[in-house]
């Protein structure tokens, strides 16, 4: 299996590192291309992968291609490689908000998979949701699970749910980090140093996630178990209820999902997406 990466940013590098650590492929079986040639050469030196002068070279060399470019770059990339991509290619897109239909319209012969990884991919702790395209084969799913499994957990869901997925697991690391940071600030006000508060909060978040995953306990059950009547947790939860934090968190995820749907519709209907600095404010 020859694997190509079009776009070699942080997420792509994390995937490359994980694939090699898991011994799924050898360095010589990975080829990458990036607009930043200095970064590409740095990855070549660091991991021993091959570098491609252009995107077409990646397509010609690879049987599996990760499209790891920014959403606004996708149209141009697809047009550039369209003549070189055939039914022999398995295309795995990690671009947020880009639907299968858009990719399929240009790469009409390829088998296409849409994925939504998240930032913990950088430490092999990703939660990646994927959706198999209409031309994919049963064997492709086995390959996809193996590749995605090298840098975390994976889950197959229908594409119609990808806006909700992006809002929860894609944006989730940002949301969780925001809440953790505010809790740390509260602990500092209560007398802890920021260093100690961060260590306590981070390990508590990690341990809680591990507890829920291992025991399959429902979060509501864990809340009621920890929050004994009249205790410290109950006192804190009363403050959250007073400020209606439950509603705010639900609205936060819904807003992120709505924005993801808007971006997906824009990508599908209006042609090439504008670069980040060219987008109109909403």
C-alpha atoms as a PDB file:
ATOM      1  CA  UNK A   1       0.000   0.000   0.000  1.00  0.00           C
ATOM      2  CA  UNK A   2       1.460   3.301  -1.157  1.00  0.00           C
ATOM      3  CA  UNK A   3       0.085   6.289   0.762  1.00  0.00           C
ATOM      4  CA  UNK A   4       0.151   9.882  -0.428  1.00  0.00           C
ATOM      5  CA  UNK A   5      -0.512  13.102   1.453  1.00  0.00           C
ATOM      6  CA  UNK A   6      -1.585  16.217  -0.402  1.00  0.00           C
ATOM      7  CA  UNK A   7      -1.056  18.797   2.293  1.00  0.00           C
ATOM      8  CA  UNK A   8       1.467  18.099   5.040  1.00  0.00           C
ATOM      9  CA  UNK A   9       0.391  20.328   7.902  1.00  0.00           C
ATOM     10  CA  UNK A  10       0.256  19.359  11.568  1.00  0.00           C
ATOM     11  CA  UNK A  11      -2.624  16.920  11.185  1.00  0.00           C
ATOM     12  CA  UNK A  12      -0.986  15.180   8.250  1.00  0.00           C
ATOM     13  CA  UNK A  13       2.309  14.968  10.120  1.00  0.00           C
ATOM     14  CA  UNK A  14       0.538  13.416  13.110  1.00  0.00           C
ATOM     15  CA  UNK A  15      -1.009  10.820  10.815  1.00  0.00           C
ATOM     16  CA  UNK A  16       2.304  10.075   9.140  1.00  0.00           C
ATOM     17  CA  UNK A  17       4.001   9.659  12.516  1.00  0.00           C
ATOM     18  CA  UNK A  18       1.228   7.357  13.766  1.00  0.00           C
ATOM     19  CA  UNK A  19       1.215   5.231  10.621  1.00  0.00           C
ATOM     20  CA  UNK A  20       4.954   4.694  10.953  1.00  0.00           C
ATOM     21  CA  UNK A  21       4.805   4.059  14.708  1.00  0.00           C
ATOM     22  CA  UNK A  22       2.130   1.423  14.104  1.00  0.00           C
ATOM     23  CA  UNK A  23       4.336  -0.132  11.384  1.00  0.00           C
ATOM     24  CA  UNK A  24       1.432  -0.061   8.932  1.00  0.00           C
ATOM     25  CA  UNK A  25       3.765   1.147   6.197  1.00  0.00           C
ATOM     26  CA  UNK A  26       7.443   1.870   5.798  1.00  0.00           C
ATOM     27  CA  UNK A  27       8.688   5.454   5.306  1.00  0.00           C
ATOM     28  CA  UNK A  28       9.482   4.742   1.665  1.00  0.00           C
ATOM     29  CA  UNK A  29       5.813   3.895   1.089  1.00  0.00           C
ATOM     30  CA  UNK A  30       4.631   7.408   2.011  1.00  0.00           C
ATOM     31  CA  UNK A  31       4.921  10.370  -0.330  1.00  0.00           C
ATOM     32  CA  UNK A  32       3.865  13.916   0.461  1.00  0.00           C
ATOM     33  CA  UNK A  33       3.392  17.272  -1.193  1.00  0.00           C
ATOM     34  CA  UNK A  34       2.903  20.676   0.383  1.00  0.00           C
ATOM     35  CA  UNK A  35       2.981  24.270  -0.796  1.00  0.00           C
ATOM     36  CA  UNK A  36       5.542  24.915   1.944  1.00  0.00           C
ATOM     37  CA  UNK A  37       8.569  23.177   0.463  1.00  0.00           C
ATOM     38  CA  UNK A  38      10.723  23.803   3.531  1.00  0.00           C
ATOM     39  CA  UNK A  39       8.198  22.034   5.737  1.00  0.00           C
ATOM     40  CA  UNK A  40       7.990  19.163   3.268  1.00  0.00           C
ATOM     41  CA  UNK A  41      11.763  18.727   3.298  1.00  0.00           C
ATOM     42  CA  UNK A  42      11.745  18.837   7.098  1.00  0.00           C
ATOM     43  CA  UNK A  43       9.222  15.972   7.187  1.00  0.00           C
ATOM     44  CA  UNK A  44      11.336  14.065   4.670  1.00  0.00           C
ATOM     45  CA  UNK A  45      14.367  14.370   6.953  1.00  0.00           C
ATOM     46  CA  UNK A  46      12.398  13.628  10.125  1.00  0.00           C
ATOM     47  CA  UNK A  47      10.485  10.566   8.956  1.00  0.00           C
ATOM     48  CA  UNK A  48      12.299   9.361   5.854  1.00  0.00           C
ATOM     49  CA  UNK A  49       9.247   9.748   3.624  1.00  0.00           C
ATOM     50  CA  UNK A  50       9.405  10.672  -0.044  1.00  0.00           C
ATOM     51  CA  UNK A  51       8.628  14.185  -1.226  1.00  0.00           C
ATOM     52  CA  UNK A  52       6.772  15.028  -4.431  1.00  0.00           C
ATOM     53  CA  UNK A  53       7.357  18.090  -6.558  1.00  0.00           C
ATOM     54  CA  UNK A  54       3.665  18.298  -7.435  1.00  0.00           C
ATOM     55  CA  UNK A  55       0.286  16.896  -6.469  1.00  0.00           C
ATOM     56  CA  UNK A  56       0.032  14.890  -9.682  1.00  0.00           C
ATOM     57  CA  UNK A  57       3.164  12.988  -8.688  1.00  0.00           C
ATOM     58  CA  UNK A  58       1.469  12.032  -5.408  1.00  0.00           C
ATOM     59  CA  UNK A  59      -1.543  10.712  -7.318  1.00  0.00           C
ATOM     60  CA  UNK A  60       0.575   8.705  -9.745  1.00  0.00           C
ATOM     61  CA  UNK A  61       2.628   7.112  -6.980  1.00  0.00           C
ATOM     62  CA  UNK A  62      -0.108   6.352  -4.430  1.00  0.00           C
ATOM     63  CA  UNK A  63      -3.017   3.946  -4.132  1.00  0.00           C
ATOM     64  CA  UNK A  64      -4.371   5.756  -1.059  1.00  0.00           C
ATOM     65  CA  UNK A  65      -4.399   9.558  -0.981  1.00  0.00           C
ATOM     66  CA  UNK A  66      -5.134  11.702   2.060  1.00  0.00           C
ATOM     67  CA  UNK A  67      -6.502  15.108   1.061  1.00  0.00           C
ATOM     68  CA  UNK A  68      -5.207  17.142   3.999  1.00  0.00           C
ATOM     69  CA  UNK A  69      -5.617  20.646   2.612  1.00  0.00           C
ATOM     70  CA  UNK A  70      -7.682  23.576   3.861  1.00  0.00           C
ATOM     71  CA  UNK A  71     -11.324  23.545   2.698  1.00  0.00           C
ATOM     72  CA  UNK A  72     -10.848  26.676   0.591  1.00  0.00           C
ATOM     73  CA  UNK A  73      -7.983  24.968  -1.285  1.00  0.00           C
ATOM     74  CA  UNK A  74      -9.953  21.832  -2.147  1.00  0.00           C
ATOM     75  CA  UNK A  75     -11.429  22.914  -5.493  1.00  0.00           C
ATOM     76  CA  UNK A  76      -8.041  23.806  -6.966  1.00  0.00           C
ATOM     77  CA  UNK A  77      -6.457  20.590  -5.675  1.00  0.00           C
ATOM     78  CA  UNK A  78      -9.217  18.411  -7.105  1.00  0.00           C
ATOM     79  CA  UNK A  79      -8.960  20.075 -10.518  1.00  0.00           C
ATOM     80  CA  UNK A  80      -5.188  19.593 -10.536  1.00  0.00           C
ATOM     81  CA  UNK A  81      -5.247  15.864  -9.804  1.00  0.00           C
ATOM     82  CA  UNK A  82      -8.498  14.905 -11.568  1.00  0.00           C
ATOM     83  CA  UNK A  83      -6.856  13.499 -14.709  1.00  0.00           C
ATOM     84  CA  UNK A  84      -4.438  11.390 -12.653  1.00  0.00           C
ATOM     85  CA  UNK A  85      -6.957   9.831 -10.249  1.00  0.00           C
ATOM     86  CA  UNK A  86      -8.598   6.572 -11.351  1.00  0.00           C
ATOM     87  CA  UNK A  87     -10.818   3.836  -9.951  1.00  0.00           C
ATOM     88  CA  UNK A  88      -7.694   2.336  -8.415  1.00  0.00           C
ATOM     89  CA  UNK A  89      -7.414   5.232  -5.960  1.00  0.00           C
ATOM     90  CA  UNK A  90      -8.882   5.359  -2.472  1.00  0.00           C
ATOM     91  CA  UNK A  91      -9.258   9.037  -1.554  1.00  0.00           C
ATOM     92  CA  UNK A  92      -9.562   9.989   2.119  1.00  0.00           C
ATOM     93  CA  UNK A  93     -10.535  13.596   2.760  1.00  0.00           C
ATOM     94  CA  UNK A  94     -10.009  15.234   6.152  1.00  0.00           C
ATOM     95  CA  UNK A  95     -11.227  18.665   5.003  1.00  0.00           C
ATOM     96  CA  UNK A  96     -14.004  19.987   7.249  1.00  0.00           C
ATOM     97  CA  UNK A  97     -17.260  20.902   5.552  1.00  0.00           C
ATOM     98  CA  UNK A  98     -16.424  19.395   2.163  1.00  0.00           C
ATOM     99  CA  UNK A  99     -19.119  16.835   1.214  1.00  0.00           C
ATOM    100  CA  UNK A 100     -18.551  13.634  -0.699  1.00  0.00           C
ATOM    101  CA  UNK A 101     -20.639  14.941  -3.589  1.00  0.00           C
ATOM    102  CA  UNK A 102     -18.266  17.837  -4.205  1.00  0.00           C
ATOM    103  CA  UNK A 103     -15.204  15.587  -4.333  1.00  0.00           C
ATOM    104  CA  UNK A 104     -16.987  12.962  -6.421  1.00  0.00           C
ATOM    105  CA  UNK A 105     -18.048  15.552  -8.977  1.00  0.00           C
ATOM    106  CA  UNK A 106     -14.410  16.090  -9.939  1.00  0.00           C
ATOM    107  CA  UNK A 107     -12.835  12.743  -9.046  1.00  0.00           C
ATOM    108  CA  UNK A 108     -15.584  10.782 -10.765  1.00  0.00           C
ATOM    109  CA  UNK A 109     -13.737   7.473 -10.903  1.00  0.00           C
ATOM    110  CA  UNK A 110     -12.170   7.304  -7.435  1.00  0.00           C
ATOM    111  CA  UNK A 111     -13.445   5.600  -4.291  1.00  0.00           C
ATOM    112  CA  UNK A 112     -13.889   8.400  -1.779  1.00  0.00           C
ATOM    113  CA  UNK A 113     -14.112   8.498   2.002  1.00  0.00           C
ATOM    114  CA  UNK A 114     -14.935  11.557   4.049  1.00  0.00           C
ATOM    115  CA  UNK A 115     -13.481  11.794   7.544  1.00  0.00           C
ATOM    116  CA  UNK A 116     -13.570  14.194  10.470  1.00  0.00           C
ATOM    117  CA  UNK A 117     -10.528  13.726  12.720  1.00  0.00           C
ATOM    118  CA  UNK A 118      -9.753  16.038  15.632  1.00  0.00           C
ATOM    119  CA  UNK A 119      -6.728  17.683  17.210  1.00  0.00           C
ATOM    120  CA  UNK A 120      -5.834  14.805  19.613  1.00  0.00           C
ATOM    121  CA  UNK A 121      -4.614  13.114  16.444  1.00  0.00           C
ATOM    122  CA  UNK A 122      -1.366  14.881  17.347  1.00  0.00           C
ATOM    123  CA  UNK A 123      -0.927  12.489  20.295  1.00  0.00           C
ATOM    124  CA  UNK A 124      -2.568   9.410  18.728  1.00  0.00           C
ATOM    125  CA  UNK A 125      -5.743  10.113  20.702  1.00  0.00           C
ATOM    126  CA  UNK A 126      -8.017  11.161  17.861  1.00  0.00           C
ATOM    127  CA  UNK A 127     -11.718  10.532  17.536  1.00  0.00           C
ATOM    128  CA  UNK A 128     -12.247  10.230  13.795  1.00  0.00           C
ATOM    129  CA  UNK A 129     -15.673   9.810  12.237  1.00  0.00           C
ATOM    130  CA  UNK A 130     -15.805   8.522   8.667  1.00  0.00           C
ATOM    131  CA  UNK A 131     -18.329   7.999   5.902  1.00  0.00           C
ATOM    132  CA  UNK A 132     -17.773   5.650   2.971  1.00  0.00           C
ATOM    133  CA  UNK A 133     -18.588   7.042  -0.459  1.00  0.00           C
ATOM    134  CA  UNK A 134     -20.921   5.303  -2.954  1.00  0.00           C
ATOM    135  CA  UNK A 135     -18.132   3.726  -5.050  1.00  0.00           C
ATOM    136  CA  UNK A 136     -16.185   2.292  -2.120  1.00  0.00           C
ATOM    137  CA  UNK A 137     -15.839  -1.433  -1.603  1.00  0.00           C
ATOM    138  CA  UNK A 138     -16.153  -3.556   1.514  1.00  0.00           C
ATOM    139  CA  UNK A 139     -12.395  -4.066   1.532  1.00  0.00           C
ATOM    140  CA  UNK A 140     -11.908  -0.287   1.583  1.00  0.00           C
ATOM    141  CA  UNK A 141     -13.607  -0.054   4.954  1.00  0.00           C
ATOM    142  CA  UNK A 142     -11.070  -2.482   6.408  1.00  0.00           C
ATOM    143  CA  UNK A 143      -8.250  -0.330   5.064  1.00  0.00           C
ATOM    144  CA  UNK A 144      -9.834   2.858   6.391  1.00  0.00           C
ATOM    145  CA  UNK A 145     -10.330   1.431   9.875  1.00  0.00           C
ATOM    146  CA  UNK A 146      -6.735   0.235   9.948  1.00  0.00           C
ATOM    147  CA  UNK A 147      -5.336   3.586   8.864  1.00  0.00           C
ATOM    148  CA  UNK A 148      -7.534   5.684  11.142  1.00  0.00           C
ATOM    149  CA  UNK A 149      -6.970   3.300  14.035  1.00  0.00           C
ATOM    150  CA  UNK A 150      -3.256   4.082  14.000  1.00  0.00           C
ATOM    151  CA  UNK A 151      -3.910   7.545  15.431  1.00  0.00           C
ATOM    152  CA  UNK A 152      -6.943   6.958  17.645  1.00  0.00           C
ATOM    153  CA  UNK A 153     -10.499   5.659  17.683  1.00  0.00           C
ATOM    154  CA  UNK A 154     -12.844   5.728  14.703  1.00  0.00           C
ATOM    155  CA  UNK A 155     -16.584   5.542  14.155  1.00  0.00           C
ATOM    156  CA  UNK A 156     -18.635   5.216  10.963  1.00  0.00           C
ATOM    157  CA  UNK A 157     -21.666   7.512  10.728  1.00  0.00           C
ATOM    158  CA  UNK A 158     -23.895   8.767   7.890  1.00  0.00           C
ATOM    159  CA  UNK A 159     -22.679  11.916   6.154  1.00  0.00           C
ATOM    160  CA  UNK A 160     -25.873  13.784   7.103  1.00  0.00           C
ATOM    161  CA  UNK A 161     -24.599  13.776  10.704  1.00  0.00           C
ATOM    162  CA  UNK A 162     -21.222  15.323   9.935  1.00  0.00           C
ATOM    163  CA  UNK A 163     -22.229  18.827  10.989  1.00  0.00           C
ATOM    164  CA  UNK A 164     -23.122  17.529  14.442  1.00  0.00           C
ATOM    165  CA  UNK A 165     -19.949  15.415  14.463  1.00  0.00           C
ATOM    166  CA  UNK A 166     -17.805  18.422  13.579  1.00  0.00           C
ATOM    167  CA  UNK A 167     -19.454  20.484  16.296  1.00  0.00           C
ATOM    168  CA  UNK A 168     -18.949  17.840  18.972  1.00  0.00           C
ATOM    169  CA  UNK A 169     -15.698  16.006  18.300  1.00  0.00           C
ATOM    170  CA  UNK A 170     -14.102  18.387  15.795  1.00  0.00           C
ATOM    171  CA  UNK A 171     -14.669  21.559  17.826  1.00  0.00           C
ATOM    172  CA  UNK A 172     -14.836  19.655  21.109  1.00  0.00           C
ATOM    173  CA  UNK A 173     -11.137  19.972  22.023  1.00  0.00           C
ATOM    174  CA  UNK A 174     -11.534  23.751  21.844  1.00  0.00           C
ATOM    175  CA  UNK A 175     -14.714  23.670  23.935  1.00  0.00           C
ATOM    176  CA  UNK A 176     -13.250  21.335  26.548  1.00  0.00           C
ATOM    177  CA  UNK A 177     -10.061  23.404  26.745  1.00  0.00           C
ATOM    178  CA  UNK A 178     -12.107  26.584  27.215  1.00  0.00           C
ATOM    179  CA  UNK A 179     -14.004  25.045  30.133  1.00  0.00           C
ATOM    180  CA  UNK A 180     -10.846  23.575  31.641  1.00  0.00           C
ATOM    181  CA  UNK A 181      -9.090  26.942  31.459  1.00  0.00           C
ATOM    182  CA  UNK A 182     -11.944  28.706  33.260  1.00  0.00           C
ATOM    183  CA  UNK A 183     -11.939  26.046  35.980  1.00  0.00           C
ATOM    184  CA  UNK A 184      -8.199  26.559  36.371  1.00  0.00           C
ATOM    185  CA  UNK A 185      -8.768  30.298  36.775  1.00  0.00           C
ATOM    186  CA  UNK A 186     -11.269  29.549  39.523  1.00  0.00           C
ATOM    187  CA  UNK A 187      -8.787  27.285  41.276  1.00  0.00           C
ATOM    188  CA  UNK A 188      -6.145  30.035  41.099  1.00  0.00           C
ATOM    189  CA  UNK A 189      -8.604  32.444  42.731  1.00  0.00           C
ATOM    190  CA  UNK A 190      -9.085  29.800  45.416  1.00  0.00           C
ATOM    191  CA  UNK A 191      -5.336  29.786  46.144  1.00  0.00           C
ATOM    192  CA  UNK A 192      -3.634  27.302  43.798  1.00  0.00           C
ATOM    193  CA  UNK A 193      -0.776  28.228  41.488  1.00  0.00           C
ATOM    194  CA  UNK A 194      -1.672  28.047  37.797  1.00  0.00           C
ATOM    195  CA  UNK A 195       0.878  25.280  37.289  1.00  0.00           C
ATOM    196  CA  UNK A 196      -0.643  23.110  40.011  1.00  0.00           C
ATOM    197  CA  UNK A 197      -4.183  23.921  38.923  1.00  0.00           C
ATOM    198  CA  UNK A 198      -3.417  22.955  35.313  1.00  0.00           C
ATOM    199  CA  UNK A 199      -1.883  19.650  36.351  1.00  0.00           C
ATOM    200  CA  UNK A 200      -4.856  18.832  38.557  1.00  0.00           C
ATOM    201  CA  UNK A 201      -7.444  19.855  35.977  1.00  0.00           C
ATOM    202  CA  UNK A 202      -5.799  18.104  33.025  1.00  0.00           C
ATOM    203  CA  UNK A 203      -5.356  14.814  34.872  1.00  0.00           C
ATOM    204  CA  UNK A 204      -8.894  15.041  36.228  1.00  0.00           C
ATOM    205  CA  UNK A 205     -10.273  15.548  32.703  1.00  0.00           C
ATOM    206  CA  UNK A 206      -8.181  12.671  31.356  1.00  0.00           C
ATOM    207  CA  UNK A 207      -9.126  10.376  34.246  1.00  0.00           C
ATOM    208  CA  UNK A 208     -12.814  11.196  33.945  1.00  0.00           C
ATOM    209  CA  UNK A 209     -12.830  10.429  30.219  1.00  0.00           C
ATOM    210  CA  UNK A 210     -10.984   7.179  30.854  1.00  0.00           C
ATOM    211  CA  UNK A 211     -13.437   6.238  33.617  1.00  0.00           C
ATOM    212  CA  UNK A 212     -16.451   6.851  31.389  1.00  0.00           C
ATOM    213  CA  UNK A 213     -14.909   4.978  28.449  1.00  0.00           C
ATOM    214  CA  UNK A 214     -13.782   2.013  30.552  1.00  0.00           C
ATOM    215  CA  UNK A 215     -16.898   1.535  32.666  1.00  0.00           C
ATOM    216  CA  UNK A 216     -19.410   2.691  30.001  1.00  0.00           C
ATOM    217  CA  UNK A 217     -21.051   4.690  32.774  1.00  0.00           C
ATOM    218  CA  UNK A 218     -23.507   7.332  31.627  1.00  0.00           C
ATOM    219  CA  UNK A 219     -22.224  10.853  32.416  1.00  0.00           C
ATOM    220  CA  UNK A 220     -25.432  11.677  34.268  1.00  0.00           C
ATOM    221  CA  UNK A 221     -24.805   8.690  36.533  1.00  0.00           C
ATOM    222  CA  UNK A 222     -21.286   9.867  37.256  1.00  0.00           C
ATOM    223  CA  UNK A 223     -22.550  13.369  38.080  1.00  0.00           C
ATOM    224  CA  UNK A 224     -25.078  12.015  40.571  1.00  0.00           C
ATOM    225  CA  UNK A 225     -22.482   9.650  42.039  1.00  0.00           C
ATOM    226  CA  UNK A 226     -19.956  12.432  42.679  1.00  0.00           C
ATOM    227  CA  UNK A 227     -22.491  15.056  43.744  1.00  0.00           C
ATOM    228  CA  UNK A 228     -23.533  13.903  47.216  1.00  0.00           C
ATOM    229  CA  UNK A 229     -26.299  16.037  48.745  1.00  0.00           C
ATOM    230  CA  UNK A 230     -24.919  19.080  50.521  1.00  0.00           C
ATOM    231  CA  UNK A 231     -21.379  18.393  49.307  1.00  0.00           C
ATOM    232  CA  UNK A 232     -18.824  20.417  47.388  1.00  0.00           C
ATOM    233  CA  UNK A 233     -19.800  19.139  43.936  1.00  0.00           C
ATOM    234  CA  UNK A 234     -23.446  19.900  44.614  1.00  0.00           C
ATOM    235  CA  UNK A 235     -22.506  23.458  45.600  1.00  0.00           C
ATOM    236  CA  UNK A 236     -20.671  23.956  42.330  1.00  0.00           C
ATOM    237  CA  UNK A 237     -23.482  22.427  40.272  1.00  0.00           C
ATOM    238  CA  UNK A 238     -25.940  24.837  41.859  1.00  0.00           C
ATOM    239  CA  UNK A 239     -23.922  27.719  40.396  1.00  0.00           C
ATOM    240  CA  UNK A 240     -24.023  26.114  36.943  1.00  0.00           C
ATOM    241  CA  UNK A 241     -27.784  25.664  37.225  1.00  0.00           C
ATOM    242  CA  UNK A 242     -28.208  29.283  38.358  1.00  0.00           C
ATOM    243  CA  UNK A 243     -26.434  30.540  35.226  1.00  0.00           C
ATOM    244  CA  UNK A 244     -28.152  27.998  32.961  1.00  0.00           C
ATOM    245  CA  UNK A 245     -24.827  26.576  31.787  1.00  0.00           C
ATOM    246  CA  UNK A 246     -26.591  23.427  30.572  1.00  0.00           C
ATOM    247  CA  UNK A 247     -28.557  25.436  28.007  1.00  0.00           C
ATOM    248  CA  UNK A 248     -25.481  27.433  27.026  1.00  0.00           C
ATOM    249  CA  UNK A 249     -23.451  24.290  26.325  1.00  0.00           C
ATOM    250  CA  UNK A 250     -26.239  22.765  24.249  1.00  0.00           C
ATOM    251  CA  UNK A 251     -26.609  25.998  22.267  1.00  0.00           C
ATOM    252  CA  UNK A 252     -22.819  26.096  21.791  1.00  0.00           C
ATOM    253  CA  UNK A 253     -22.805  22.721  20.018  1.00  0.00           C
ATOM    254  CA  UNK A 254     -25.907  23.596  17.995  1.00  0.00           C
ATOM    255  CA  UNK A 255     -24.315  26.874  16.841  1.00  0.00           C
ATOM    256  CA  UNK A 256     -21.161  25.088  15.757  1.00  0.00           C
ATOM    257  CA  UNK A 257     -23.212  22.481  13.898  1.00  0.00           C
ATOM    258  CA  UNK A 258     -25.257  25.171  12.164  1.00  0.00           C
ATOM    259  CA  UNK A 259     -22.103  26.977  11.052  1.00  0.00           C
ATOM    260  CA  UNK A 260     -20.660  23.736   9.706  1.00  0.00           C
ATOM    261  CA  UNK A 261     -23.822  23.187   7.649  1.00  0.00           C
ATOM    262  CA  UNK A 262     -23.542  26.727   6.258  1.00  0.00           C
ATOM    263  CA  UNK A 263     -19.948  26.129   5.178  1.00  0.00           C
ATOM    264  CA  UNK A 264     -20.851  22.787   3.598  1.00  0.00           C
ATOM    265  CA  UNK A 265     -23.695  24.382   1.645  1.00  0.00           C
ATOM    266  CA  UNK A 266     -21.392  27.172   0.526  1.00  0.00           C
ATOM    267  CA  UNK A 267     -18.825  24.667  -0.685  1.00  0.00           C
ATOM    268  CA  UNK A 268     -21.437  22.723  -2.629  1.00  0.00           C
ATOM    269  CA  UNK A 269     -23.281  25.621  -4.244  1.00  0.00           C
ATOM    270  CA  UNK A 270     -20.931  28.522  -4.811  1.00  0.00           C
ATOM    271  CA  UNK A 271     -17.870  26.981  -6.436  1.00  0.00           C
ATOM    272  CA  UNK A 272     -14.373  27.596  -5.072  1.00  0.00           C
ATOM    273  CA  UNK A 273     -14.337  28.743  -1.484  1.00  0.00           C
ATOM    274  CA  UNK A 274     -12.597  32.056  -0.785  1.00  0.00           C
ATOM    275  CA  UNK A 275      -9.376  32.094   1.195  1.00  0.00           C
ATOM    276  CA  UNK A 276      -9.707  32.803   4.892  1.00  0.00           C
ATOM    277  CA  UNK A 277      -8.674  36.435   4.545  1.00  0.00           C
ATOM    278  CA  UNK A 278     -11.204  36.961   1.750  1.00  0.00           C
ATOM    279  CA  UNK A 279     -14.285  35.615   3.481  1.00  0.00           C
ATOM    280  CA  UNK A 280     -17.052  38.000   4.272  1.00  0.00           C
ATOM    281  CA  UNK A 281     -17.874  38.472   7.920  1.00  0.00           C
ATOM    282  CA  UNK A 282     -21.186  37.092   9.082  1.00  0.00           C
END
